[in-house]
């Protein structure tokens, strides 16, 4: 299983939405708690963020592969679908 690199900002409402979704999914699937998320605040670590190809937060990667990047006006249902796929991919590797 690979670690998920998760770019976020504390002030981002879409990041808070993704955090809620992650917590809900782990509550529904306790074995998913084994997936490690390395949360990187792009303001605090721009030197790390600049090595990845993304525009919006939250964004999640497995290695160099981008699995999820939020978009403006994204619904919680959309976020949930994407984050579920991130968990599934992380657990499969």
N, C-alpha and C. Protein backbone atom coordinates (compact mmCIF):
# COMPACT_ATOMS: atom_id res chain seq x y z
N UNK A 1 0.84 -1.17 0.00
CA UNK A 1 0.00 0.00 0.00
C UNK A 1 0.89 1.24 0.00
N UNK A 2 0.55 2.17 -0.88
CA UNK A 2 1.32 3.41 -0.97
C UNK A 2 0.69 4.50 -0.13
N UNK A 3 1.52 5.45 0.26
CA UNK A 3 1.07 6.62 0.99
C UNK A 3 0.46 7.62 0.00
N UNK A 4 -0.63 8.26 0.41
CA UNK A 4 -1.28 9.28 -0.40
C UNK A 4 -0.70 10.63 -0.01
N UNK A 5 -0.20 11.36 -1.00
CA UNK A 5 0.26 12.72 -0.78
C UNK A 5 -0.95 13.63 -1.03
N UNK A 6 -1.30 14.40 -0.01
CA UNK A 6 -2.55 15.16 0.01
C UNK A 6 -2.21 16.64 0.19
N UNK A 7 -2.34 17.41 -0.88
CA UNK A 7 -2.09 18.85 -0.82
C UNK A 7 -3.38 19.55 -0.39
N UNK A 8 -3.23 20.44 0.58
CA UNK A 8 -4.40 21.12 1.13
C UNK A 8 -4.00 22.50 1.64
N UNK A 9 -5.03 23.25 1.98
CA UNK A 9 -4.87 24.54 2.66
C UNK A 9 -5.89 24.56 3.80
N UNK A 10 -5.48 25.03 4.96
CA UNK A 10 -6.38 25.07 6.11
C UNK A 10 -7.59 25.97 5.86
N UNK A 11 -7.44 26.98 5.02
CA UNK A 11 -8.53 27.92 4.76
C UNK A 11 -9.46 27.49 3.63
N UNK A 12 -9.19 26.38 3.01
CA UNK A 12 -9.93 25.93 1.83
C UNK A 12 -11.19 25.14 2.23
N UNK A 13 -12.37 25.60 1.81
CA UNK A 13 -13.59 24.87 2.15
C UNK A 13 -13.65 23.49 1.48
N UNK A 14 -13.07 23.35 0.31
CA UNK A 14 -13.06 22.06 -0.37
C UNK A 14 -12.14 21.07 0.34
N UNK A 15 -11.09 21.57 0.95
CA UNK A 15 -10.19 20.71 1.74
C UNK A 15 -10.90 20.24 3.00
N UNK A 16 -11.63 21.12 3.66
CA UNK A 16 -12.40 20.73 4.84
C UNK A 16 -13.46 19.70 4.45
N UNK A 17 -14.06 19.87 3.28
CA UNK A 17 -15.03 18.90 2.78
C UNK A 17 -14.35 17.54 2.58
N UNK A 18 -13.18 17.54 1.97
CA UNK A 18 -12.45 16.29 1.75
C UNK A 18 -12.07 15.64 3.08
N UNK A 19 -11.67 16.43 4.06
CA UNK A 19 -11.34 15.89 5.37
C UNK A 19 -12.56 15.20 6.00
N UNK A 20 -13.73 15.82 5.89
CA UNK A 20 -14.96 15.22 6.40
C UNK A 20 -15.25 13.89 5.69
N UNK A 21 -15.10 13.91 4.38
CA UNK A 21 -15.36 12.71 3.58
C UNK A 21 -14.39 11.59 3.98
N UNK A 22 -13.13 11.92 4.15
CA UNK A 22 -12.15 10.91 4.57
C UNK A 22 -12.57 10.29 5.90
N UNK A 23 -12.93 11.13 6.86
CA UNK A 23 -13.35 10.64 8.18
C UNK A 23 -14.60 9.76 8.07
N UNK A 24 -15.56 10.17 7.26
CA UNK A 24 -16.79 9.39 7.08
C UNK A 24 -16.49 8.03 6.45
N UNK A 25 -15.64 8.02 5.44
CA UNK A 25 -15.31 6.77 4.76
C UNK A 25 -14.56 5.82 5.68
N UNK A 26 -13.68 6.34 6.50
CA UNK A 26 -12.98 5.49 7.47
C UNK A 26 -13.96 4.94 8.50
N UNK A 27 -14.93 5.75 8.92
CA UNK A 27 -15.94 5.27 9.87
C UNK A 27 -16.78 4.15 9.25
N UNK A 28 -17.06 4.26 7.95
CA UNK A 28 -17.85 3.25 7.25
C UNK A 28 -17.04 2.00 6.91
N UNK A 29 -15.74 2.19 6.69
CA UNK A 29 -14.84 1.10 6.30
C UNK A 29 -13.60 1.16 7.19
N UNK A 30 -13.66 0.64 8.40
CA UNK A 30 -12.54 0.80 9.35
C UNK A 30 -11.19 0.32 8.82
N UNK A 31 -11.19 -0.67 7.94
CA UNK A 31 -9.92 -1.14 7.38
C UNK A 31 -9.26 -0.09 6.50
N UNK A 32 -10.01 0.91 6.04
CA UNK A 32 -9.43 1.98 5.22
C UNK A 32 -8.55 2.91 6.05
N UNK A 33 -8.63 2.80 7.36
CA UNK A 33 -7.77 3.62 8.23
C UNK A 33 -6.29 3.27 8.03
N UNK A 34 -6.02 2.14 7.39
CA UNK A 34 -4.64 1.74 7.12
C UNK A 34 -3.98 2.62 6.06
N UNK A 35 -4.77 3.35 5.29
CA UNK A 35 -4.22 4.22 4.25
C UNK A 35 -3.61 5.45 4.93
N UNK A 36 -2.36 5.71 4.63
CA UNK A 36 -1.67 6.86 5.21
C UNK A 36 -1.79 8.06 4.28
N UNK A 37 -2.25 9.17 4.82
CA UNK A 37 -2.34 10.43 4.08
C UNK A 37 -1.27 11.36 4.62
N UNK A 38 -0.37 11.77 3.76
CA UNK A 38 0.62 12.78 4.13
C UNK A 38 0.06 14.13 3.70
N UNK A 39 -0.47 14.88 4.65
CA UNK A 39 -1.07 16.18 4.35
C UNK A 39 0.03 17.23 4.27
N UNK A 40 0.06 17.92 3.15
CA UNK A 40 1.06 18.96 2.92
C UNK A 40 0.35 20.27 2.64
N UNK A 41 0.57 21.23 3.49
CA UNK A 41 0.03 22.58 3.29
C UNK A 41 0.94 23.27 2.28
N UNK A 42 0.38 23.63 1.13
CA UNK A 42 1.23 24.19 0.07
C UNK A 42 1.82 25.54 0.44
N UNK A 43 1.18 26.28 1.36
CA UNK A 43 1.75 27.55 1.81
C UNK A 43 2.98 27.33 2.70
N UNK A 44 2.91 26.26 3.51
CA UNK A 44 4.02 25.96 4.41
C UNK A 44 5.17 25.25 3.71
N UNK A 45 4.86 24.52 2.64
CA UNK A 45 5.89 23.73 1.94
C UNK A 45 5.80 23.93 0.42
N UNK A 46 6.00 25.16 -0.05
CA UNK A 46 5.92 25.40 -1.49
C UNK A 46 6.99 24.63 -2.28
N UNK A 47 8.09 24.33 -1.64
CA UNK A 47 9.16 23.59 -2.32
C UNK A 47 8.73 22.17 -2.67
N UNK A 48 7.82 21.60 -1.89
CA UNK A 48 7.28 20.27 -2.20
C UNK A 48 6.17 20.42 -3.24
N UNK A 49 5.28 21.36 -3.02
CA UNK A 49 4.13 21.55 -3.92
C UNK A 49 4.57 21.83 -5.36
N UNK A 50 5.65 22.56 -5.53
CA UNK A 50 6.08 22.91 -6.89
C UNK A 50 6.57 21.71 -7.69
N UNK A 51 6.82 20.60 -7.04
CA UNK A 51 7.27 19.38 -7.74
C UNK A 51 6.11 18.57 -8.30
N UNK A 52 4.88 18.96 -7.97
CA UNK A 52 3.69 18.22 -8.40
C UNK A 52 2.88 19.06 -9.37
N UNK A 53 2.18 18.37 -10.27
CA UNK A 53 1.39 19.05 -11.30
C UNK A 53 -0.08 19.09 -10.88
N UNK A 54 -0.47 20.21 -10.28
CA UNK A 54 -1.86 20.41 -9.90
C UNK A 54 -2.12 21.90 -9.83
N UNK A 55 -3.41 22.24 -9.86
CA UNK A 55 -3.81 23.64 -9.81
C UNK A 55 -4.64 23.94 -8.58
N UNK A 56 -5.54 23.02 -8.21
CA UNK A 56 -6.50 23.27 -7.14
C UNK A 56 -6.30 22.33 -5.96
N UNK A 57 -6.77 22.79 -4.81
CA UNK A 57 -6.78 21.97 -3.61
C UNK A 57 -8.21 21.59 -3.27
N UNK A 58 -8.39 20.43 -2.70
CA UNK A 58 -7.40 19.43 -2.40
C UNK A 58 -6.97 18.68 -3.66
N UNK A 59 -5.74 18.18 -3.63
CA UNK A 59 -5.22 17.31 -4.67
C UNK A 59 -4.53 16.14 -3.99
N UNK A 60 -4.70 14.95 -4.56
CA UNK A 60 -4.14 13.74 -3.96
C UNK A 60 -3.40 12.94 -5.01
N UNK A 61 -2.23 12.45 -4.59
CA UNK A 61 -1.34 11.71 -5.48
C UNK A 61 -0.92 10.40 -4.84
N UNK A 62 -0.69 9.40 -5.69
CA UNK A 62 0.02 8.18 -5.31
C UNK A 62 1.31 8.23 -6.09
N UNK A 63 2.41 8.40 -5.40
CA UNK A 63 3.66 8.63 -6.10
C UNK A 63 3.52 9.92 -6.90
N UNK A 64 3.81 9.86 -8.19
CA UNK A 64 3.69 11.03 -9.06
C UNK A 64 2.35 11.08 -9.80
N UNK A 65 1.51 10.07 -9.58
CA UNK A 65 0.23 10.01 -10.30
C UNK A 65 -0.85 10.77 -9.55
N UNK A 66 -1.42 11.76 -10.21
CA UNK A 66 -2.53 12.52 -9.62
C UNK A 66 -3.81 11.69 -9.72
N UNK A 67 -4.42 11.43 -8.57
CA UNK A 67 -5.66 10.67 -8.54
C UNK A 67 -6.89 11.56 -8.36
N UNK A 68 -6.68 12.72 -7.77
CA UNK A 68 -7.82 13.58 -7.48
C UNK A 68 -7.37 15.02 -7.39
N UNK A 69 -8.13 15.88 -8.04
CA UNK A 69 -7.95 17.33 -7.93
C UNK A 69 -9.33 17.95 -7.92
N UNK A 70 -9.63 18.67 -6.87
CA UNK A 70 -10.93 19.30 -6.73
C UNK A 70 -11.14 20.36 -7.81
N UNK A 71 -12.37 20.78 -7.95
CA UNK A 71 -12.68 21.87 -8.87
C UNK A 71 -13.69 22.80 -8.21
N UNK A 72 -13.77 23.99 -8.70
CA UNK A 72 -14.68 24.99 -8.18
C UNK A 72 -16.12 24.49 -8.22
N UNK A 73 -16.84 24.69 -7.16
CA UNK A 73 -18.24 24.28 -7.00
C UNK A 73 -18.42 22.77 -6.94
N UNK A 74 -17.39 22.04 -6.60
CA UNK A 74 -17.50 20.59 -6.47
C UNK A 74 -18.44 20.24 -5.33
N UNK A 75 -19.33 19.31 -5.58
CA UNK A 75 -20.27 18.88 -4.54
C UNK A 75 -19.61 17.85 -3.63
N UNK A 76 -20.22 17.66 -2.48
CA UNK A 76 -19.69 16.65 -1.56
C UNK A 76 -19.80 15.25 -2.16
N UNK A 77 -20.85 15.00 -2.93
CA UNK A 77 -21.01 13.70 -3.59
C UNK A 77 -19.87 13.45 -4.59
N UNK A 78 -19.51 14.47 -5.34
CA UNK A 78 -18.38 14.33 -6.28
C UNK A 78 -17.09 14.06 -5.52
N UNK A 79 -16.87 14.84 -4.47
CA UNK A 79 -15.68 14.65 -3.66
C UNK A 79 -15.62 13.23 -3.12
N UNK A 80 -16.73 12.76 -2.61
CA UNK A 80 -16.79 11.41 -2.04
C UNK A 80 -16.42 10.35 -3.08
N UNK A 81 -16.95 10.47 -4.28
CA UNK A 81 -16.61 9.50 -5.34
C UNK A 81 -15.11 9.48 -5.61
N UNK A 82 -14.53 10.66 -5.70
CA UNK A 82 -13.09 10.75 -5.98
C UNK A 82 -12.25 10.21 -4.82
N UNK A 83 -12.62 10.57 -3.61
CA UNK A 83 -11.83 10.12 -2.45
C UNK A 83 -11.99 8.62 -2.26
N UNK A 84 -13.17 8.06 -2.51
CA UNK A 84 -13.33 6.61 -2.47
C UNK A 84 -12.35 5.93 -3.43
N UNK A 85 -12.22 6.49 -4.63
CA UNK A 85 -11.29 5.92 -5.61
C UNK A 85 -9.85 6.04 -5.12
N UNK A 86 -9.52 7.13 -4.47
CA UNK A 86 -8.17 7.29 -3.90
C UNK A 86 -7.91 6.16 -2.90
N UNK A 87 -8.86 5.93 -1.99
CA UNK A 87 -8.70 4.84 -1.03
C UNK A 87 -8.53 3.50 -1.74
N UNK A 88 -9.38 3.22 -2.70
CA UNK A 88 -9.31 1.93 -3.40
C UNK A 88 -7.97 1.74 -4.09
N UNK A 89 -7.48 2.78 -4.74
CA UNK A 89 -6.19 2.69 -5.43
C UNK A 89 -5.05 2.52 -4.42
N UNK A 90 -5.10 3.26 -3.33
CA UNK A 90 -4.04 3.15 -2.32
C UNK A 90 -4.03 1.76 -1.70
N UNK A 91 -5.20 1.20 -1.45
CA UNK A 91 -5.27 -0.13 -0.86
C UNK A 91 -4.83 -1.22 -1.84
N UNK A 92 -5.00 -0.97 -3.14
CA UNK A 92 -4.65 -1.96 -4.16
C UNK A 92 -3.15 -2.02 -4.40
N UNK A 93 -2.45 -0.91 -4.16
CA UNK A 93 -1.00 -0.88 -4.42
C UNK A 93 -0.21 -1.49 -3.30
